[in-house]
Amino acid sequence: MFLCYFMYSIRKVNKNDYINYLSLINEFRPSEFTQTQFLETLEAIQTMAEIYVIEQNNELVATGTIL
């Protein structure tokens, strides 16, 4: 029997996630945005929604938005 156990955490995205978030988004489609654009967009979105990330081994593996 093979048992695979993965530890992960779910949390809100934060301003320190820029590099990892950009990397994650680029796995879905090529994207370019500066850290300033990331921070401005994050601030604007947080007034009407919450963005969560799933992190595994210090790497972002998924993201989702709750409106």
N, C-alpha and C. Protein backbone atom coordinates (compact mmCIF):
# COMPACT_ATOMS: atom_id res chain seq x y z
N MET A 1 0.84 -1.18 0.00
CA MET A 1 0.00 0.00 0.00
C MET A 1 0.89 1.24 0.00
N PHE A 2 0.50 2.21 -0.81
CA PHE A 2 1.24 3.47 -0.91
C PHE A 2 0.43 4.57 -0.24
N LEU A 3 1.04 5.23 0.71
CA LEU A 3 0.37 6.32 1.42
C LEU A 3 1.12 7.61 1.14
N CYS A 4 0.41 8.59 0.65
CA CYS A 4 1.01 9.88 0.33
C CYS A 4 0.35 10.94 1.19
N TYR A 5 1.11 11.68 1.93
CA TYR A 5 0.58 12.68 2.85
C TYR A 5 1.19 14.03 2.52
N PHE A 6 0.37 14.99 2.18
CA PHE A 6 0.84 16.32 1.83
C PHE A 6 0.34 17.32 2.86
N MET A 7 1.23 18.16 3.32
CA MET A 7 0.86 19.24 4.23
C MET A 7 0.69 20.51 3.41
N TYR A 8 -0.38 21.19 3.65
CA TYR A 8 -0.60 22.46 2.96
C TYR A 8 -1.36 23.39 3.89
N SER A 9 -1.35 24.65 3.54
CA SER A 9 -2.11 25.62 4.32
C SER A 9 -2.91 26.50 3.36
N ILE A 10 -4.05 26.95 3.83
CA ILE A 10 -4.90 27.87 3.09
C ILE A 10 -4.90 29.18 3.86
N ARG A 11 -4.61 30.26 3.15
CA ARG A 11 -4.53 31.56 3.81
C ARG A 11 -4.85 32.66 2.80
N LYS A 12 -5.08 33.86 3.32
CA LYS A 12 -5.28 35.01 2.44
C LYS A 12 -3.95 35.40 1.81
N VAL A 13 -4.03 35.82 0.56
CA VAL A 13 -2.84 36.32 -0.11
C VAL A 13 -2.40 37.60 0.60
N ASN A 14 -1.10 37.86 0.62
CA ASN A 14 -0.61 39.08 1.25
C ASN A 14 0.43 39.76 0.37
N LYS A 15 0.83 40.94 0.77
CA LYS A 15 1.73 41.75 -0.06
C LYS A 15 3.09 41.11 -0.28
N ASN A 16 3.47 40.15 0.55
CA ASN A 16 4.77 39.48 0.39
C ASN A 16 4.72 38.32 -0.60
N ASP A 17 3.56 38.06 -1.18
CA ASP A 17 3.38 36.93 -2.09
C ASP A 17 3.65 37.26 -3.55
N TYR A 18 4.11 38.44 -3.85
CA TYR A 18 4.23 38.89 -5.24
C TYR A 18 4.96 37.88 -6.13
N ILE A 19 6.17 37.50 -5.78
CA ILE A 19 6.98 36.64 -6.65
C ILE A 19 6.32 35.27 -6.83
N ASN A 20 5.87 34.68 -5.74
CA ASN A 20 5.24 33.36 -5.82
C ASN A 20 3.89 33.42 -6.53
N TYR A 21 3.14 34.51 -6.32
CA TYR A 21 1.84 34.66 -6.99
C TYR A 21 2.03 34.83 -8.49
N LEU A 22 2.99 35.64 -8.88
CA LEU A 22 3.29 35.83 -10.30
C LEU A 22 3.68 34.50 -10.94
N SER A 23 4.50 33.73 -10.26
CA SER A 23 4.91 32.42 -10.77
C SER A 23 3.70 31.50 -10.93
N LEU A 24 2.82 31.48 -9.94
CA LEU A 24 1.62 30.64 -10.00
C LEU A 24 0.73 31.05 -11.17
N ILE A 25 0.47 32.34 -11.32
CA ILE A 25 -0.39 32.83 -12.40
C ILE A 25 0.20 32.48 -13.77
N ASN A 26 1.53 32.55 -13.87
CA ASN A 26 2.18 32.22 -15.15
C ASN A 26 2.09 30.75 -15.51
N GLU A 27 1.74 29.89 -14.56
CA GLU A 27 1.51 28.49 -14.89
C GLU A 27 0.21 28.32 -15.68
N PHE A 28 -0.73 29.25 -15.49
CA PHE A 28 -2.02 29.20 -16.19
C PHE A 28 -1.97 29.92 -17.52
N ARG A 29 -1.36 31.08 -17.51
CA ARG A 29 -1.23 31.87 -18.74
C ARG A 29 -0.10 32.89 -18.54
N PRO A 30 0.61 33.21 -19.62
CA PRO A 30 1.68 34.19 -19.50
C PRO A 30 1.13 35.53 -19.00
N SER A 31 1.74 36.05 -17.96
CA SER A 31 1.28 37.31 -17.36
C SER A 31 2.49 38.12 -16.92
N GLU A 32 2.33 39.41 -17.01
CA GLU A 32 3.36 40.32 -16.52
C GLU A 32 2.68 41.42 -15.73
N PHE A 33 3.11 41.61 -14.50
CA PHE A 33 2.67 42.75 -13.71
C PHE A 33 3.75 43.06 -12.69
N THR A 34 3.94 44.34 -12.44
CA THR A 34 4.97 44.77 -11.51
C THR A 34 4.49 44.56 -10.07
N GLN A 35 5.43 44.66 -9.16
CA GLN A 35 5.06 44.55 -7.76
C GLN A 35 4.12 45.68 -7.35
N THR A 36 4.33 46.85 -7.89
CA THR A 36 3.45 47.98 -7.62
C THR A 36 2.04 47.69 -8.13
N GLN A 37 1.92 47.16 -9.34
CA GLN A 37 0.61 46.80 -9.88
C GLN A 37 -0.06 45.72 -9.04
N PHE A 38 0.72 44.75 -8.58
CA PHE A 38 0.20 43.69 -7.72
C PHE A 38 -0.37 44.28 -6.44
N LEU A 39 0.38 45.17 -5.81
CA LEU A 39 -0.06 45.76 -4.55
C LEU A 39 -1.29 46.63 -4.73
N GLU A 40 -1.32 47.44 -5.79
CA GLU A 40 -2.48 48.29 -6.05
C GLU A 40 -3.73 47.46 -6.35
N THR A 41 -3.57 46.41 -7.13
CA THR A 41 -4.70 45.54 -7.46
C THR A 41 -5.18 44.79 -6.22
N LEU A 42 -4.25 44.29 -5.44
CA LEU A 42 -4.61 43.59 -4.21
C LEU A 42 -5.40 44.49 -3.27
N GLU A 43 -4.95 45.72 -3.12
CA GLU A 43 -5.65 46.67 -2.26
C GLU A 43 -7.06 46.95 -2.78
N ALA A 44 -7.20 47.12 -4.08
CA ALA A 44 -8.51 47.41 -4.67
C ALA A 44 -9.45 46.22 -4.54
N ILE A 45 -8.95 45.03 -4.79
CA ILE A 45 -9.79 43.83 -4.73
C ILE A 45 -10.24 43.56 -3.30
N GLN A 46 -9.39 43.82 -2.33
CA GLN A 46 -9.72 43.52 -0.94
C GLN A 46 -10.88 44.34 -0.40
N THR A 47 -11.31 45.36 -1.12
CA THR A 47 -12.47 46.14 -0.68
C THR A 47 -13.78 45.43 -1.02
N MET A 48 -13.72 44.44 -1.94
CA MET A 48 -14.95 43.77 -2.36
C MET A 48 -14.85 42.25 -2.42
N ALA A 49 -13.67 41.69 -2.19
CA ALA A 49 -13.49 40.24 -2.29
C ALA A 49 -12.30 39.82 -1.43
N GLU A 50 -12.14 38.50 -1.29
CA GLU A 50 -11.00 37.95 -0.57
C GLU A 50 -10.29 36.96 -1.49
N ILE A 51 -8.99 37.07 -1.58
CA ILE A 51 -8.19 36.16 -2.39
C ILE A 51 -7.45 35.23 -1.43
N TYR A 52 -7.60 33.95 -1.66
CA TYR A 52 -6.92 32.94 -0.86
C TYR A 52 -5.92 32.18 -1.71
N VAL A 53 -4.88 31.67 -1.06
CA VAL A 53 -3.90 30.83 -1.73
C VAL A 53 -3.75 29.53 -0.94
N ILE A 54 -3.38 28.49 -1.64
CA ILE A 54 -3.00 27.23 -1.00
C ILE A 54 -1.50 27.12 -1.16
N GLU A 55 -0.83 26.90 -0.04
CA GLU A 55 0.63 26.87 -0.01
C GLU A 55 1.09 25.48 0.44
N GLN A 56 2.06 24.95 -0.29
CA GLN A 56 2.63 23.65 0.05
C GLN A 56 4.14 23.75 -0.09
N ASN A 57 4.84 23.38 0.96
CA ASN A 57 6.31 23.45 0.97
C ASN A 57 6.82 24.84 0.55
N ASN A 58 6.21 25.87 1.11
CA ASN A 58 6.58 27.28 0.84
C ASN A 58 6.38 27.69 -0.61
N GLU A 59 5.52 26.99 -1.33
CA GLU A 59 5.21 27.32 -2.71
C GLU A 59 3.70 27.45 -2.88
N LEU A 60 3.27 28.47 -3.59
CA LEU A 60 1.85 28.62 -3.86
C LEU A 60 1.46 27.64 -4.95
N VAL A 61 0.42 26.85 -4.68
CA VAL A 61 0.00 25.83 -5.64
C VAL A 61 -1.39 26.08 -6.20
N ALA A 62 -2.14 26.99 -5.58
CA ALA A 62 -3.49 27.30 -6.07
C ALA A 62 -3.94 28.63 -5.49
N THR A 63 -4.91 29.24 -6.16
CA THR A 63 -5.47 30.48 -5.68
C THR A 63 -6.97 30.50 -6.00
N GLY A 64 -7.71 31.24 -5.21
CA GLY A 64 -9.14 31.37 -5.45
C GLY A 64 -9.64 32.67 -4.86
N THR A 65 -10.70 33.18 -5.42
CA THR A 65 -11.28 34.45 -4.98
C THR A 65 -12.71 34.21 -4.51
N ILE A 66 -13.03 34.78 -3.37
CA ILE A 66 -14.38 34.74 -2.85
C ILE A 66 -14.95 36.15 -2.95
N LEU A 67 -16.02 36.29 -3.68
CA LEU A 67 -16.63 37.60 -3.88
C LEU A 67 -17.60 37.94 -2.78
